[in-house]
Amino acid sequence: MEKDDVYWTAGDPENLTHTDPDSVMEELADGWDVGDEPETVELQKYVRMMVVPPWWVVDRLMEHMMEALGEEYGDPNGGGDEATPEMKALTEKFVDDFCKLFVPYMCDRSGPPIVINVAEWLAANGDGDAAETAARDMAQRLADFKDEFK
């Protein structure tokens, strides 16, 4: 998963899988019958939320590391297993770097919705599937018209 901008469509509101408006429009256009497409489509752009670790993550991670290492390598009589300031600084850096690499699912809206004129988009993008569907639809209408005069 990437940290790119994402777009929501009505087709699958649980998965933000599109990274540009054209890919959303292509998905939507596949579901339209010729002549039944809407006048406009409103798309919302989202950006993935920035990951901010809870305040306790560094302390718990250090505690678990010190406990695990203490059990394996520590003094059996106790003591000597306190974290140093250098260990804390290293743990803070690790958590910060880890959070930069983590790709959250949660998103925030980014700006106002984008309104796309469907007819203009179809004309500019030369949807071959729409042209093929239109040709089949026209052929069917012609066949129906001929049947009326038999």
C-alpha atoms as a PDB file:
ATOM      1  CA  MET A   1       0.000   0.000   0.000  1.00  0.00           C
ATOM      2  CA  GLU A   2       1.272   3.453  -0.890  1.00  0.00           C
ATOM      3  CA  LYS A   3       0.796   6.781   0.864  1.00  0.00           C
ATOM      4  CA  ASP A   4      -0.566   8.405  -2.320  1.00  0.00           C
ATOM      5  CA  ASP A   5      -3.730  10.455  -2.482  1.00  0.00           C
ATOM      6  CA  VAL A   6      -6.799   8.262  -2.689  1.00  0.00           C
ATOM      7  CA  TYR A   7     -10.324   8.683  -3.997  1.00  0.00           C
ATOM      8  CA  TRP A   8     -13.587   7.128  -2.855  1.00  0.00           C
ATOM      9  CA  THR A   9     -16.217   5.786  -5.228  1.00  0.00           C
ATOM     10  CA  ALA A  10     -19.696   4.510  -4.583  1.00  0.00           C
ATOM     11  CA  GLY A  11     -18.694   1.144  -6.036  1.00  0.00           C
ATOM     12  CA  ASP A  12     -16.595   0.120  -3.054  1.00  0.00           C
ATOM     13  CA  PRO A  13     -16.709   2.607  -0.174  1.00  0.00           C
ATOM     14  CA  GLU A  14     -14.645   0.376   2.115  1.00  0.00           C
ATOM     15  CA  ASN A  15     -11.572   0.391  -0.133  1.00  0.00           C
ATOM     16  CA  LEU A  16      -9.863   3.582  -1.191  1.00  0.00           C
ATOM     17  CA  THR A  17      -8.045   2.145  -4.182  1.00  0.00           C
ATOM     18  CA  HIS A  18      -7.926   4.920  -6.773  1.00  0.00           C
ATOM     19  CA  THR A  19      -5.007   7.320  -7.005  1.00  0.00           C
ATOM     20  CA  ASP A  20      -6.403   9.717  -9.608  1.00  0.00           C
ATOM     21  CA  PRO A  21      -9.821  10.983 -10.728  1.00  0.00           C
ATOM     22  CA  ASP A  22      -9.552   9.316 -14.162  1.00  0.00           C
ATOM     23  CA  SER A  23      -9.287   5.823 -12.672  1.00  0.00           C
ATOM     24  CA  VAL A  24     -12.425   6.532 -10.619  1.00  0.00           C
ATOM     25  CA  MET A  25     -14.251   7.764 -13.702  1.00  0.00           C
ATOM     26  CA  GLU A  26     -13.195   4.695 -15.693  1.00  0.00           C
ATOM     27  CA  GLU A  27     -14.640   2.427 -12.990  1.00  0.00           C
ATOM     28  CA  LEU A  28     -17.858   4.399 -12.825  1.00  0.00           C
ATOM     29  CA  ALA A  29     -18.232   4.623 -16.626  1.00  0.00           C
ATOM     30  CA  ASP A  30     -18.045   0.832 -16.894  1.00  0.00           C
ATOM     31  CA  GLY A  31     -21.327   0.643 -14.983  1.00  0.00           C
ATOM     32  CA  TRP A  32     -23.270   3.218 -17.005  1.00  0.00           C
ATOM     33  CA  ASP A  33     -25.647   2.386 -19.845  1.00  0.00           C
ATOM     34  CA  VAL A  34     -25.378   4.661 -22.846  1.00  0.00           C
ATOM     35  CA  GLY A  35     -27.603   7.670 -22.286  1.00  0.00           C
ATOM     36  CA  ASP A  36     -28.102   6.872 -18.593  1.00  0.00           C
ATOM     37  CA  GLU A  37     -24.874   8.404 -17.309  1.00  0.00           C
ATOM     38  CA  PRO A  38     -25.239  11.281 -14.851  1.00  0.00           C
ATOM     39  CA  GLU A  39     -24.562  14.872 -15.871  1.00  0.00           C
ATOM     40  CA  THR A  40     -21.834  15.309 -13.262  1.00  0.00           C
ATOM     41  CA  VAL A  41     -19.949  13.189 -10.755  1.00  0.00           C
ATOM     42  CA  GLU A  42     -18.628  14.503  -7.469  1.00  0.00           C
ATOM     43  CA  LEU A  43     -15.398  12.918  -6.240  1.00  0.00           C
ATOM     44  CA  GLN A  44     -13.766  13.449  -2.879  1.00  0.00           C
ATOM     45  CA  LYS A  45     -10.001  13.402  -2.597  1.00  0.00           C
ATOM     46  CA  TYR A  46      -8.498  11.968   0.573  1.00  0.00           C
ATOM     47  CA  VAL A  47      -4.989  11.814   1.986  1.00  0.00           C
ATOM     48  CA  ARG A  48      -3.842   9.189   4.403  1.00  0.00           C
ATOM     49  CA  MET A  49      -3.621  10.368   7.996  1.00  0.00           C
ATOM     50  CA  MET A  50      -0.253  11.092   9.513  1.00  0.00           C
ATOM     51  CA  VAL A  51       0.674   8.445  12.056  1.00  0.00           C
ATOM     52  CA  VAL A  52       1.404   9.909  15.469  1.00  0.00           C
ATOM     53  CA  PRO A  53       2.381   7.219  17.966  1.00  0.00           C
ATOM     54  CA  PRO A  54       0.638   7.304  21.325  1.00  0.00           C
ATOM     55  CA  TRP A  55       2.802   8.759  24.074  1.00  0.00           C
ATOM     56  CA  TRP A  56       3.215   5.386  25.800  1.00  0.00           C
ATOM     57  CA  VAL A  57       4.650   3.432  22.828  1.00  0.00           C
ATOM     58  CA  VAL A  58       8.292   4.315  23.492  1.00  0.00           C
ATOM     59  CA  ASP A  59       8.036   3.500  27.208  1.00  0.00           C
ATOM     60  CA  ARG A  60       6.275   0.167  26.623  1.00  0.00           C
ATOM     61  CA  LEU A  61       8.674  -0.869  23.874  1.00  0.00           C
ATOM     62  CA  MET A  62      11.656  -0.057  26.095  1.00  0.00           C
ATOM     63  CA  GLU A  63      10.045  -1.909  29.008  1.00  0.00           C
ATOM     64  CA  HIS A  64       9.441  -5.035  26.887  1.00  0.00           C
ATOM     65  CA  MET A  65      12.948  -4.939  25.423  1.00  0.00           C
ATOM     66  CA  MET A  66      14.562  -4.507  28.841  1.00  0.00           C
ATOM     67  CA  GLU A  67      12.439  -7.314  30.297  1.00  0.00           C
ATOM     68  CA  ALA A  68      13.210  -9.724  27.428  1.00  0.00           C
ATOM     69  CA  LEU A  69      16.923  -8.961  27.474  1.00  0.00           C
ATOM     70  CA  GLY A  70      17.010  -9.008  31.268  1.00  0.00           C
ATOM     71  CA  GLU A  71      15.455 -12.499  31.366  1.00  0.00           C
ATOM     72  CA  GLU A  72      17.941 -13.811  28.819  1.00  0.00           C
ATOM     73  CA  TYR A  73      21.102 -11.921  29.744  1.00  0.00           C
ATOM     74  CA  GLY A  74      20.467 -10.057  33.009  1.00  0.00           C
ATOM     75  CA  ASP A  75      21.792 -10.562  36.500  1.00  0.00           C
ATOM     76  CA  PRO A  76      19.811 -13.416  38.101  1.00  0.00           C
ATOM     77  CA  ASN A  77      19.892 -11.486  41.392  1.00  0.00           C
ATOM     78  CA  GLY A  78      18.262  -8.459  39.754  1.00  0.00           C
ATOM     79  CA  GLY A  79      19.487  -4.966  39.116  1.00  0.00           C
ATOM     80  CA  GLY A  80      21.547  -3.470  36.355  1.00  0.00           C
ATOM     81  CA  ASP A  81      18.789  -3.596  33.778  1.00  0.00           C
ATOM     82  CA  GLU A  82      17.695   0.042  33.706  1.00  0.00           C
ATOM     83  CA  ALA A  83      17.400   1.759  30.328  1.00  0.00           C
ATOM     84  CA  THR A  84      19.935   4.490  29.612  1.00  0.00           C
ATOM     85  CA  PRO A  85      19.169   7.868  28.008  1.00  0.00           C
ATOM     86  CA  GLU A  86      20.907   6.577  24.849  1.00  0.00           C
ATOM     87  CA  MET A  87      18.534   3.579  24.765  1.00  0.00           C
ATOM     88  CA  LYS A  88      15.537   5.880  25.119  1.00  0.00           C
ATOM     89  CA  ALA A  89      16.796   8.157  22.310  1.00  0.00           C
ATOM     90  CA  LEU A  90      17.354   5.131  20.053  1.00  0.00           C
ATOM     91  CA  THR A  91      13.884   3.762  20.839  1.00  0.00           C
ATOM     92  CA  GLU A  92      12.294   7.152  20.099  1.00  0.00           C
ATOM     93  CA  LYS A  93      14.104   7.277  16.740  1.00  0.00           C
ATOM     94  CA  PHE A  94      13.007   3.713  15.924  1.00  0.00           C
ATOM     95  CA  VAL A  95       9.348   4.480  16.718  1.00  0.00           C
ATOM     96  CA  ASP A  96       9.485   7.706  14.697  1.00  0.00           C
ATOM     97  CA  ASP A  97      11.053   5.953  11.671  1.00  0.00           C
ATOM     98  CA  PHE A  98       8.616   3.047  11.965  1.00  0.00           C
ATOM     99  CA  CYS A  99       5.616   5.400  11.963  1.00  0.00           C
ATOM    100  CA  LYS A 100       6.921   7.155   8.834  1.00  0.00           C
ATOM    101  CA  LEU A 101       6.894   3.794   7.014  1.00  0.00           C
ATOM    102  CA  PHE A 102       3.531   2.641   8.333  1.00  0.00           C
ATOM    103  CA  VAL A 103       0.720   3.221   5.804  1.00  0.00           C
ATOM    104  CA  PRO A 104      -2.543   3.896   7.630  1.00  0.00           C
ATOM    105  CA  TYR A 105      -5.918   2.990   6.216  1.00  0.00           C
ATOM    106  CA  MET A 106      -7.563   6.002   7.826  1.00  0.00           C
ATOM    107  CA  CYS A 107      -7.797   9.121   5.660  1.00  0.00           C
ATOM    108  CA  ASP A 108      -8.695  12.779   5.951  1.00  0.00           C
ATOM    109  CA  ARG A 109     -10.600  14.761   3.321  1.00  0.00           C
ATOM    110  CA  SER A 110      -8.329  16.905   1.199  1.00  0.00           C
ATOM    111  CA  GLY A 111     -10.050  19.992  -0.112  1.00  0.00           C
ATOM    112  CA  PRO A 112     -13.529  20.374  -1.536  1.00  0.00           C
ATOM    113  CA  PRO A 113     -15.083  17.677  -3.740  1.00  0.00           C
ATOM    114  CA  ILE A 114     -14.085  17.643  -7.407  1.00  0.00           C
ATOM    115  CA  VAL A 115     -17.051  18.017  -9.766  1.00  0.00           C
ATOM    116  CA  ILE A 116     -16.537  16.322 -13.147  1.00  0.00           C
ATOM    117  CA  ASN A 117     -18.773  16.934 -16.161  1.00  0.00           C
ATOM    118  CA  VAL A 118     -19.377  13.384 -17.417  1.00  0.00           C
ATOM    119  CA  ALA A 119     -20.026  14.266 -21.084  1.00  0.00           C
ATOM    120  CA  GLU A 120     -16.832  16.322 -21.233  1.00  0.00           C
ATOM    121  CA  TRP A 121     -14.849  13.578 -19.507  1.00  0.00           C
ATOM    122  CA  LEU A 122     -16.166  10.891 -21.880  1.00  0.00           C
ATOM    123  CA  ALA A 123     -15.374  13.081 -24.896  1.00  0.00           C
ATOM    124  CA  ALA A 124     -11.855  13.822 -23.672  1.00  0.00           C
ATOM    125  CA  ASN A 125     -11.071  10.253 -22.706  1.00  0.00           C
ATOM    126  CA  GLY A 126     -12.498   8.515 -25.769  1.00  0.00           C
ATOM    127  CA  ASP A 127     -14.060   5.666 -23.858  1.00  0.00           C
ATOM    128  CA  GLY A 128     -13.887   2.830 -26.422  1.00  0.00           C
ATOM    129  CA  ASP A 129     -16.240   0.666 -24.359  1.00  0.00           C
ATOM    130  CA  ALA A 130     -18.876   3.410 -24.467  1.00  0.00           C
ATOM    131  CA  ALA A 131     -18.549   3.686 -28.254  1.00  0.00           C
ATOM    132  CA  GLU A 132     -18.906  -0.090 -28.633  1.00  0.00           C
ATOM    133  CA  THR A 133     -21.933  -0.120 -26.348  1.00  0.00           C
ATOM    134  CA  ALA A 134     -23.469   2.788 -28.276  1.00  0.00           C
ATOM    135  CA  ALA A 135     -22.990   0.906 -31.568  1.00  0.00           C
ATOM    136  CA  ARG A 136     -24.664  -2.230 -30.140  1.00  0.00           C
ATOM    137  CA  ASP A 137     -27.474  -0.110 -28.716  1.00  0.00           C
ATOM    138  CA  MET A 138     -28.007   1.608 -32.067  1.00  0.00           C
ATOM    139  CA  ALA A 139     -28.026  -1.748 -33.877  1.00  0.00           C
ATOM    140  CA  GLN A 140     -30.636  -3.071 -31.453  1.00  0.00           C
ATOM    141  CA  ARG A 141     -32.797   0.041 -31.905  1.00  0.00           C
ATOM    142  CA  LEU A 142     -32.573  -0.363 -35.685  1.00  0.00           C
ATOM    143  CA  ALA A 143     -33.568  -4.039 -35.420  1.00  0.00           C
ATOM    144  CA  ASP A 144     -36.496  -3.126 -33.156  1.00  0.00           C
ATOM    145  CA  PHE A 145     -37.545  -0.400 -35.599  1.00  0.00           C
ATOM    146  CA  LYS A 146     -37.502  -2.862 -38.527  1.00  0.00           C
ATOM    147  CA  ASP A 147     -39.573  -5.357 -36.502  1.00  0.00           C
ATOM    148  CA  GLU A 148     -42.300  -2.720 -36.094  1.00  0.00           C
ATOM    149  CA  PHE A 149     -42.850  -2.605 -39.858  1.00  0.00           C
ATOM    150  CA  LYS A 150     -43.045  -6.336 -40.555  1.00  0.00           C
END
